[in-house]
Amino acid sequence: MRTLSAATAVVAEDEETLRHELVEQLGKLWPELSIVGEAADGVQALRLLDEHRPDVLFLDIQMPGATGLDVARQVGGRSHVVFVTAYDQYAVAAFDQGAVDYVLKPLNSARLFTAIGRVKQRLAGPPVELGPLLDQLAARPGGAAAPRGFLRWINASIGQTLKLITVDEVLYFQSDNKYTKVATREGEALIRKPLKELVDELDPQQFWQIHRSTLVNAMAVAAVTRDFRGRMQVRLKEHADTLLVAESYAHLFRQM
């Protein structure tokens, strides 16, 4: 077992900005730790795991290629795992019962510091077997599948600046050529993620598709009216924009 001064780690997180932030925070909170690899997807994480056999693996649960849970099943007893997650309270309770640790998105330095302290203590012994914990995460009580965690924040471009925006701040998303416009009360930003991907990743109870090119935050809707042509429109709270509702989505507002 390596000493704390020689400990190594791989960081696996598909969101580039969050990955860089995590590496930066680890450098400040655990300067002796050597980051030997960074992975943007599950397949790359597996390759780095085999190549470097790190002492610690900071592992995002939701990644393309292979999920964090898929990667964790391949870890075996090779590395201590710290999950990076936006999962619900059920999953967090599962982590608290297991001999692994976690940090939540968006990152919190105090929580990361706590996780680092626990990992340092565990480095004195072998990594735990993750199978029971992974089985618990893969299914909810009663055998129902655990829900996929919904998108909680996005990285959006405002000019040359990259800004972190929580989805609760978003009034609506709207397709704009090769980009998707993100409208908040503070202004507008652009992301490269297409609207069809956002439909799958956002909580459908919070974000309603009202047009093939528009998703609206239901909590931001002030009223629904019709223009002089009879077309249904959404008016937003504390915002001047009005959004056209396609007839195929008009049923969402029948009860209003």
C-alpha atoms as a PDB file:
ATOM      1  CA  MET A   1       0.000   0.000   0.000  1.00  0.00           C
ATOM      2  CA  ARG A   2       1.347   3.389  -0.986  1.00  0.00           C
ATOM      3  CA  THR A   3       1.933   6.216   1.465  1.00  0.00           C
ATOM      4  CA  LEU A   4      -0.278   9.303   1.415  1.00  0.00           C
ATOM      5  CA  SER A   5       2.556  11.347  -0.109  1.00  0.00           C
ATOM      6  CA  ALA A   6       2.747   8.949  -3.060  1.00  0.00           C
ATOM      7  CA  ALA A   7      -1.004   8.380  -3.589  1.00  0.00           C
ATOM      8  CA  THR A   8      -2.263   8.513  -7.181  1.00  0.00           C
ATOM      9  CA  ALA A   9      -5.693   9.184  -8.650  1.00  0.00           C
ATOM     10  CA  VAL A  10      -7.701   9.155 -11.868  1.00  0.00           C
ATOM     11  CA  VAL A  11     -10.566  11.620 -12.340  1.00  0.00           C
ATOM     12  CA  ALA A  12     -13.401  10.396 -14.578  1.00  0.00           C
ATOM     13  CA  GLU A  13     -16.021  13.039 -15.401  1.00  0.00           C
ATOM     14  CA  ASP A  14     -17.582  13.758 -18.805  1.00  0.00           C
ATOM     15  CA  GLU A  15     -18.281  17.464 -18.144  1.00  0.00           C
ATOM     16  CA  GLU A  16     -14.983  19.144 -18.986  1.00  0.00           C
ATOM     17  CA  THR A  17     -15.503  22.215 -16.811  1.00  0.00           C
ATOM     18  CA  LEU A  18     -16.458  20.154 -13.772  1.00  0.00           C
ATOM     19  CA  ARG A  19     -13.541  17.774 -14.378  1.00  0.00           C
ATOM     20  CA  HIS A  20     -11.085  20.656 -14.442  1.00  0.00           C
ATOM     21  CA  GLU A  21     -12.698  22.158 -11.341  1.00  0.00           C
ATOM     22  CA  LEU A  22     -12.409  18.846  -9.491  1.00  0.00           C
ATOM     23  CA  VAL A  23      -8.737  18.475 -10.438  1.00  0.00           C
ATOM     24  CA  GLU A  24      -8.087  22.065  -9.325  1.00  0.00           C
ATOM     25  CA  GLN A  25      -9.863  21.558  -6.001  1.00  0.00           C
ATOM     26  CA  LEU A  26      -7.976  18.311  -5.380  1.00  0.00           C
ATOM     27  CA  GLY A  27      -4.727  20.171  -6.004  1.00  0.00           C
ATOM     28  CA  LYS A  28      -5.629  22.691  -3.305  1.00  0.00           C
ATOM     29  CA  LEU A  29      -7.135  20.306  -0.751  1.00  0.00           C
ATOM     30  CA  TRP A  30      -4.794  17.343  -1.301  1.00  0.00           C
ATOM     31  CA  PRO A  31      -1.598  18.740  -2.867  1.00  0.00           C
ATOM     32  CA  GLU A  32       0.340  15.485  -2.261  1.00  0.00           C
ATOM     33  CA  LEU A  33      -2.055  13.542  -4.506  1.00  0.00           C
ATOM     34  CA  SER A  34      -0.771  12.842  -8.019  1.00  0.00           C
ATOM     35  CA  ILE A  35      -3.464  12.958 -10.738  1.00  0.00           C
ATOM     36  CA  VAL A  36      -2.172  10.401 -13.243  1.00  0.00           C
ATOM     37  CA  GLY A  37      -5.089  10.522 -15.665  1.00  0.00           C
ATOM     38  CA  GLU A  38      -8.330  12.286 -16.621  1.00  0.00           C
ATOM     39  CA  ALA A  39     -11.186  10.507 -18.407  1.00  0.00           C
ATOM     40  CA  ALA A  40     -14.092  12.044 -20.318  1.00  0.00           C
ATOM     41  CA  ASP A  41     -16.094   8.816 -20.661  1.00  0.00           C
ATOM     42  CA  GLY A  42     -16.446   5.366 -19.158  1.00  0.00           C
ATOM     43  CA  VAL A  43     -14.352   3.578 -21.757  1.00  0.00           C
ATOM     44  CA  GLN A  44     -11.436   5.936 -21.223  1.00  0.00           C
ATOM     45  CA  ALA A  45     -11.827   5.528 -17.460  1.00  0.00           C
ATOM     46  CA  LEU A  46     -11.477   1.758 -17.797  1.00  0.00           C
ATOM     47  CA  ARG A  47      -8.375   2.155 -19.947  1.00  0.00           C
ATOM     48  CA  LEU A  48      -6.744   4.521 -17.434  1.00  0.00           C
ATOM     49  CA  LEU A  49      -7.686   2.196 -14.587  1.00  0.00           C
ATOM     50  CA  ASP A  50      -5.877  -0.696 -16.280  1.00  0.00           C
ATOM     51  CA  GLU A  51      -2.934   1.474 -17.302  1.00  0.00           C
ATOM     52  CA  HIS A  52      -2.252   3.282 -14.026  1.00  0.00           C
ATOM     53  CA  ARG A  53      -3.967   1.225 -11.311  1.00  0.00           C
ATOM     54  CA  PRO A  54      -4.542   4.382  -9.251  1.00  0.00           C
ATOM     55  CA  ASP A  55      -5.028   4.332  -5.502  1.00  0.00           C
ATOM     56  CA  VAL A  56      -8.178   6.454  -5.845  1.00  0.00           C
ATOM     57  CA  LEU A  57     -10.744   6.771  -8.622  1.00  0.00           C
ATOM     58  CA  PHE A  58     -13.003   9.843  -8.643  1.00  0.00           C
ATOM     59  CA  LEU A  59     -15.850   8.482 -10.728  1.00  0.00           C
ATOM     60  CA  ASP A  60     -18.854  10.239 -12.253  1.00  0.00           C
ATOM     61  CA  ILE A  61     -21.885   7.943 -12.147  1.00  0.00           C
ATOM     62  CA  GLN A  62     -23.340   9.116 -15.470  1.00  0.00           C
ATOM     63  CA  MET A  63     -20.914   9.036 -18.387  1.00  0.00           C
ATOM     64  CA  PRO A  64     -21.150   8.077 -22.066  1.00  0.00           C
ATOM     65  CA  GLY A  65     -19.525   4.904 -23.359  1.00  0.00           C
ATOM     66  CA  ALA A  66     -19.827   3.068 -20.052  1.00  0.00           C
ATOM     67  CA  THR A  67     -21.605   4.441 -16.981  1.00  0.00           C
ATOM     68  CA  GLY A  68     -19.830   5.019 -13.717  1.00  0.00           C
ATOM     69  CA  LEU A  69     -21.616   1.995 -12.280  1.00  0.00           C
ATOM     70  CA  ASP A  70     -20.304  -0.108 -15.182  1.00  0.00           C
ATOM     71  CA  VAL A  71     -16.788   1.128 -14.499  1.00  0.00           C
ATOM     72  CA  ALA A  72     -17.143   0.539 -10.761  1.00  0.00           C
ATOM     73  CA  ARG A  73     -18.034  -3.104 -11.371  1.00  0.00           C
ATOM     74  CA  GLN A  74     -14.677  -3.491 -13.140  1.00  0.00           C
ATOM     75  CA  VAL A  75     -12.679  -1.837 -10.382  1.00  0.00           C
ATOM     76  CA  GLY A  76     -12.682  -4.924  -8.192  1.00  0.00           C
ATOM     77  CA  GLY A  77     -10.219  -4.382  -5.370  1.00  0.00           C
ATOM     78  CA  ARG A  78      -7.841  -2.224  -7.378  1.00  0.00           C
ATOM     79  CA  SER A  79      -8.836   1.285  -6.278  1.00  0.00           C
ATOM     80  CA  HIS A  80     -10.706   3.203  -3.636  1.00  0.00           C
ATOM     81  CA  VAL A  81     -13.712   4.894  -5.268  1.00  0.00           C
ATOM     82  CA  VAL A  82     -15.217   8.317  -4.665  1.00  0.00           C
ATOM     83  CA  PHE A  83     -18.421   8.753  -6.666  1.00  0.00           C
ATOM     84  CA  VAL A  84     -19.227  12.115  -8.249  1.00  0.00           C
ATOM     85  CA  THR A  85     -22.994  12.258  -8.464  1.00  0.00           C
ATOM     86  CA  ALA A  86     -26.162  14.260  -8.937  1.00  0.00           C
ATOM     87  CA  TYR A  87     -28.251  11.300  -7.774  1.00  0.00           C
ATOM     88  CA  ASP A  88     -31.288  11.556  -5.518  1.00  0.00           C
ATOM     89  CA  GLN A  89     -31.429  11.113  -1.742  1.00  0.00           C
ATOM     90  CA  TYR A  90     -31.985   7.368  -2.054  1.00  0.00           C
ATOM     91  CA  ALA A  91     -28.636   6.900  -3.761  1.00  0.00           C
ATOM     92  CA  VAL A  92     -26.872   9.222  -1.322  1.00  0.00           C
ATOM     93  CA  ALA A  93     -28.254   7.122   1.545  1.00  0.00           C
ATOM     94  CA  ALA A  94     -26.777   4.048  -0.161  1.00  0.00           C
ATOM     95  CA  PHE A  95     -23.366   5.732  -0.317  1.00  0.00           C
ATOM     96  CA  ASP A  96     -23.560   6.653   3.365  1.00  0.00           C
ATOM     97  CA  GLN A  97     -24.118   3.008   4.248  1.00  0.00           C
ATOM     98  CA  GLY A  98     -21.188   1.774   2.153  1.00  0.00           C
ATOM     99  CA  ALA A  99     -17.449   1.978   2.675  1.00  0.00           C
ATOM    100  CA  VAL A 100     -17.038   4.456  -0.191  1.00  0.00           C
ATOM    101  CA  ASP A 101     -17.540   8.176  -0.384  1.00  0.00           C
ATOM    102  CA  TYR A 102     -19.184  10.668  -2.731  1.00  0.00           C
ATOM    103  CA  VAL A 103     -19.294  14.330  -3.730  1.00  0.00           C
ATOM    104  CA  LEU A 104     -22.355  16.017  -5.164  1.00  0.00           C
ATOM    105  CA  LYS A 105     -22.687  18.204  -8.229  1.00  0.00           C
ATOM    106  CA  PRO A 106     -22.162  21.146  -8.260  1.00  0.00           C
ATOM    107  CA  LEU A 107     -18.955  20.675  -6.291  1.00  0.00           C
ATOM    108  CA  ASN A 108     -18.758  21.788  -2.683  1.00  0.00           C
ATOM    109  CA  SER A 109     -15.259  22.264  -1.274  1.00  0.00           C
ATOM    110  CA  ALA A 110     -16.286  21.350   2.266  1.00  0.00           C
ATOM    111  CA  ARG A 111     -17.880  18.087   1.128  1.00  0.00           C
ATOM    112  CA  LEU A 112     -14.844  17.261  -1.024  1.00  0.00           C
ATOM    113  CA  PHE A 113     -12.553  17.946   1.938  1.00  0.00           C
ATOM    114  CA  THR A 114     -14.583  15.475   4.025  1.00  0.00           C
ATOM    115  CA  ALA A 115     -14.368  12.843   1.282  1.00  0.00           C
ATOM    116  CA  ILE A 116     -10.602  13.328   1.009  1.00  0.00           C
ATOM    117  CA  GLY A 117     -10.194  12.835   4.755  1.00  0.00           C
ATOM    118  CA  ARG A 118     -12.117   9.567   4.649  1.00  0.00           C
ATOM    119  CA  VAL A 119     -10.197   8.301   1.631  1.00  0.00           C
ATOM    120  CA  LYS A 120      -6.870   9.054   3.334  1.00  0.00           C
ATOM    121  CA  GLN A 121      -7.944   6.883   6.258  1.00  0.00           C
ATOM    122  CA  ARG A 122      -8.965   4.041   3.945  1.00  0.00           C
ATOM    123  CA  LEU A 123      -5.686   4.083   2.038  1.00  0.00           C
ATOM    124  CA  ALA A 124      -4.180   2.201   4.958  1.00  0.00           C
ATOM    125  CA  GLY A 125      -6.244  -0.842   3.973  1.00  0.00           C
ATOM    126  CA  PRO A 126      -7.424  -2.572   0.789  1.00  0.00           C
ATOM    127  CA  PRO A 127     -10.319  -1.166  -1.272  1.00  0.00           C
ATOM    128  CA  VAL A 128     -13.737  -2.532  -0.375  1.00  0.00           C
ATOM    129  CA  GLU A 129     -15.824  -4.839  -2.555  1.00  0.00           C
ATOM    130  CA  LEU A 130     -18.314  -2.631  -4.389  1.00  0.00           C
ATOM    131  CA  GLY A 131     -20.742  -5.323  -5.543  1.00  0.00           C
ATOM    132  CA  PRO A 132     -23.362  -4.995  -2.768  1.00  0.00           C
ATOM    133  CA  LEU A 133     -23.417  -1.196  -3.021  1.00  0.00           C
ATOM    134  CA  LEU A 134     -23.724  -1.287  -6.813  1.00  0.00           C
ATOM    135  CA  ASP A 135     -26.604  -3.757  -6.565  1.00  0.00           C
ATOM    136  CA  GLN A 136     -28.333  -1.386  -4.160  1.00  0.00           C
ATOM    137  CA  LEU A 137     -27.822   1.567  -6.497  1.00  0.00           C
ATOM    138  CA  ALA A 138     -29.103  -0.411  -9.486  1.00  0.00           C
ATOM    139  CA  ALA A 139     -32.488  -1.159  -7.940  1.00  0.00           C
ATOM    140  CA  ARG A 140     -34.869   0.533  -5.543  1.00  0.00           C
ATOM    141  CA  PRO A 141     -36.827  -1.191  -2.774  1.00  0.00           C
ATOM    142  CA  GLY A 142     -39.454  -3.533  -4.217  1.00  0.00           C
ATOM    143  CA  GLY A 143     -37.328  -4.275  -7.251  1.00  0.00           C
ATOM    144  CA  ALA A 144     -38.229  -1.137  -9.230  1.00  0.00           C
ATOM    145  CA  ALA A 145     -35.395   0.259 -11.279  1.00  0.00           C
ATOM    146  CA  ALA A 146     -33.711   3.299  -9.818  1.00  0.00           C
ATOM    147  CA  PRO A 147     -34.487   6.447 -11.799  1.00  0.00           C
ATOM    148  CA  ARG A 148     -31.816   8.107 -13.872  1.00  0.00           C
ATOM    149  CA  GLY A 149     -30.646  11.320 -12.296  1.00  0.00           C
ATOM    150  CA  PHE A 150     -31.892  14.364 -14.188  1.00  0.00           C
ATOM    151  CA  LEU A 151     -29.660  17.171 -15.432  1.00  0.00           C
ATOM    152  CA  ARG A 152     -29.117  19.716 -12.667  1.00  0.00           C
ATOM    153  CA  TRP A 153     -26.742  22.233 -14.250  1.00  0.00           C
ATOM    154  CA  ILE A 154     -25.229  23.154 -17.589  1.00  0.00           C
ATOM    155  CA  ASN A 155     -22.130  24.907 -18.924  1.00  0.00           C
ATOM    156  CA  ALA A 156     -23.208  27.724 -21.228  1.00  0.00           C
ATOM    157  CA  SER A 157     -21.251  30.255 -23.290  1.00  0.00           C
ATOM    158  CA  ILE A 158     -21.812  33.987 -22.898  1.00  0.00           C
ATOM    159  CA  GLY A 159     -19.444  35.567 -25.398  1.00  0.00           C
ATOM    160  CA  GLN A 160     -15.995  34.249 -24.468  1.00  0.00           C
ATOM    161  CA  THR A 161     -17.098  33.349 -20.939  1.00  0.00           C
ATOM    162  CA  LEU A 162     -18.178  29.860 -19.853  1.00  0.00           C
ATOM    163  CA  LYS A 163     -20.805  30.062 -17.103  1.00  0.00           C
ATOM    164  CA  LEU A 164     -22.272  27.382 -14.833  1.00  0.00           C
ATOM    165  CA  ILE A 165     -26.086  27.638 -14.797  1.00  0.00           C
ATOM    166  CA  THR A 166     -28.371  25.488 -12.663  1.00  0.00           C
ATOM    167  CA  VAL A 167     -31.457  24.259 -14.500  1.00  0.00           C
ATOM    168  CA  ASP A 168     -33.700  25.950 -11.923  1.00  0.00           C
ATOM    169  CA  GLU A 169     -32.422  29.299 -13.216  1.00  0.00           C
ATOM    170  CA  VAL A 170     -33.450  28.498 -16.801  1.00  0.00           C
ATOM    171  CA  LEU A 171     -36.706  29.985 -18.087  1.00  0.00           C
ATOM    172  CA  TYR A 172     -36.598  28.142 -21.380  1.00  0.00           C
ATOM    173  CA  PHE A 173     -34.391  26.391 -23.939  1.00  0.00           C
ATOM    174  CA  GLN A 174     -34.820  27.140 -27.640  1.00  0.00           C
ATOM    175  CA  SER A 175     -33.104  25.759 -30.731  1.00  0.00           C
ATOM    176  CA  ASP A 176     -30.970  28.374 -32.481  1.00  0.00           C
ATOM    177  CA  ASN A 177     -29.252  27.057 -35.629  1.00  0.00           C
ATOM    178  CA  LYS A 178     -26.343  24.841 -34.481  1.00  0.00           C
ATOM    179  CA  TYR A 179     -26.811  25.868 -30.861  1.00  0.00           C
ATOM    180  CA  THR A 180     -29.483  25.877 -28.176  1.00  0.00           C
ATOM    181  CA  LYS A 181     -30.350  29.193 -26.535  1.00  0.00           C
ATOM    182  CA  VAL A 182     -30.609  29.207 -22.753  1.00  0.00           C
ATOM    183  CA  ALA A 183     -32.781  32.032 -21.389  1.00  0.00           C
ATOM    184  CA  THR A 184     -32.562  33.118 -17.743  1.00  0.00           C
ATOM    185  CA  ARG A 185     -33.736  36.267 -15.968  1.00  0.00           C
ATOM    186  CA  GLU A 186     -30.172  37.598 -16.224  1.00  0.00           C
ATOM    187  CA  GLY A 187     -29.903  37.141 -19.989  1.00  0.00           C
ATOM    188  CA  GLU A 188     -29.176  34.582 -22.688  1.00  0.00           C
ATOM    189  CA  ALA A 189     -26.417  32.049 -23.275  1.00  0.00           C
ATOM    190  CA  LEU A 190     -25.668  29.291 -25.796  1.00  0.00           C
ATOM    191  CA  ILE A 191     -24.916  25.580 -25.466  1.00  0.00           C
ATOM    192  CA  ARG A 192     -24.024  23.025 -28.140  1.00  0.00           C
ATOM    193  CA  LYS A 193     -26.296  20.307 -26.741  1.00  0.00           C
ATOM    194  CA  PRO A 194     -29.288  19.808 -29.097  1.00  0.00           C
ATOM    195  CA  LEU A 195     -32.816  20.166 -27.794  1.00  0.00           C
ATOM    196  CA  LYS A 196     -33.644  16.492 -28.389  1.00  0.00           C
ATOM    197  CA  GLU A 197     -30.899  15.509 -25.907  1.00  0.00           C
ATOM    198  CA  LEU A 198     -32.183  18.006 -23.341  1.00  0.00           C
ATOM    199  CA  VAL A 199     -35.654  16.465 -23.605  1.00  0.00           C
ATOM    200  CA  ASP A 200     -34.182  13.148 -22.460  1.00  0.00           C
ATOM    201  CA  GLU A 201     -31.971  14.620 -19.732  1.00  0.00           C
ATOM    202  CA  LEU A 202     -34.281  17.139 -18.028  1.00  0.00           C
ATOM    203  CA  ASP A 203     -37.034  16.352 -15.530  1.00  0.00           C
ATOM    204  CA  PRO A 204     -40.253  16.202 -17.611  1.00  0.00           C
ATOM    205  CA  GLN A 205     -42.232  17.381 -14.583  1.00  0.00           C
ATOM    206  CA  GLN A 206     -40.245  20.622 -14.618  1.00  0.00           C
ATOM    207  CA  PHE A 207     -39.477  21.211 -18.304  1.00  0.00           C
ATOM    208  CA  TRP A 208     -42.310  20.934 -20.818  1.00  0.00           C
ATOM    209  CA  GLN A 209     -41.790  20.760 -24.551  1.00  0.00           C
ATOM    210  CA  ILE A 210     -44.248  23.240 -26.037  1.00  0.00           C
ATOM    211  CA  HIS A 211     -42.845  23.342 -29.571  1.00  0.00           C
ATOM    212  CA  ARG A 212     -40.373  21.233 -31.539  1.00  0.00           C
ATOM    213  CA  SER A 213     -37.823  23.975 -30.867  1.00  0.00           C
ATOM    214  CA  THR A 214     -38.777  25.035 -27.315  1.00  0.00           C
ATOM    215  CA  LEU A 215     -38.637  23.644 -23.776  1.00  0.00           C
ATOM    216  CA  VAL A 216     -40.104  25.827 -21.019  1.00  0.00           C
ATOM    217  CA  ASN A 217     -39.611  25.662 -17.269  1.00  0.00           C
ATOM    218  CA  ALA A 218     -43.149  25.074 -15.988  1.00  0.00           C
ATOM    219  CA  MET A 219     -42.350  27.064 -12.825  1.00  0.00           C
ATOM    220  CA  ALA A 220     -41.622  30.115 -14.987  1.00  0.00           C
ATOM    221  CA  VAL A 221     -45.025  30.135 -16.731  1.00  0.00           C
ATOM    222  CA  ALA A 222     -47.186  33.112 -15.702  1.00  0.00           C
ATOM    223  CA  ALA A 223     -50.111  32.668 -18.092  1.00  0.00           C
ATOM    224  CA  VAL A 224     -51.261  31.136 -21.365  1.00  0.00           C
ATOM    225  CA  THR A 225     -53.039  33.336 -23.901  1.00  0.00           C
ATOM    226  CA  ARG A 226     -53.999  33.332 -27.579  1.00  0.00           C
ATOM    227  CA  ASP A 227     -52.901  35.895 -30.157  1.00  0.00           C
ATOM    228  CA  PHE A 228     -55.141  37.459 -32.805  1.00  0.00           C
ATOM    229  CA  ARG A 229     -54.616  34.402 -35.009  1.00  0.00           C
ATOM    230  CA  GLY A 230     -55.797  32.092 -32.258  1.00  0.00           C
ATOM    231  CA  ARG A 231     -52.344  30.647 -31.586  1.00  0.00           C
ATOM    232  CA  MET A 232     -51.587  29.684 -28.005  1.00  0.00           C
ATOM    233  CA  GLN A 233     -48.720  31.533 -26.331  1.00  0.00           C
ATOM    234  CA  VAL A 234     -46.933  31.261 -22.993  1.00  0.00           C
ATOM    235  CA  ARG A 235     -46.189  34.386 -20.988  1.00  0.00           C
ATOM    236  CA  LEU A 236     -43.336  34.165 -18.493  1.00  0.00           C
ATOM    237  CA  LYS A 237     -43.003  35.498 -14.960  1.00  0.00           C
ATOM    238  CA  GLU A 238     -40.848  38.620 -14.695  1.00  0.00           C
ATOM    239  CA  HIS A 239     -39.728  38.299 -18.317  1.00  0.00           C
ATOM    240  CA  ALA A 240     -40.911  39.967 -21.503  1.00  0.00           C
ATOM    241  CA  ASP A 241     -40.557  36.981 -23.866  1.00  0.00           C
ATOM    242  CA  THR A 242     -43.628  35.098 -25.074  1.00  0.00           C
ATOM    243  CA  LEU A 243     -43.308  31.551 -26.408  1.00  0.00           C
ATOM    244  CA  LEU A 244     -45.424  29.971 -29.126  1.00  0.00           C
ATOM    245  CA  VAL A 245     -47.166  26.717 -28.209  1.00  0.00           C
ATOM    246  CA  ALA A 246     -47.586  24.260 -31.085  1.00  0.00           C
ATOM    247  CA  GLU A 247     -51.060  22.730 -31.343  1.00  0.00           C
ATOM    248  CA  SER A 248     -49.612  19.269 -30.793  1.00  0.00           C
ATOM    249  CA  TYR A 249     -48.531  20.404 -27.299  1.00  0.00           C
ATOM    250  CA  ALA A 250     -51.603  22.498 -26.437  1.00  0.00           C
ATOM    251  CA  HIS A 251     -52.996  19.666 -24.292  1.00  0.00           C
ATOM    252  CA  LEU A 252     -50.422  20.522 -21.620  1.00  0.00           C
ATOM    253  CA  PHE A 253     -52.414  23.636 -20.788  1.00  0.00           C
ATOM    254  CA  ARG A 254     -55.987  22.388 -21.141  1.00  0.00           C
ATOM    255  CA  GLN A 255     -56.355  22.184 -17.366  1.00  0.00           C
ATOM    256  CA  MET A 256     -55.084  25.724 -16.806  1.00  0.00           C
END
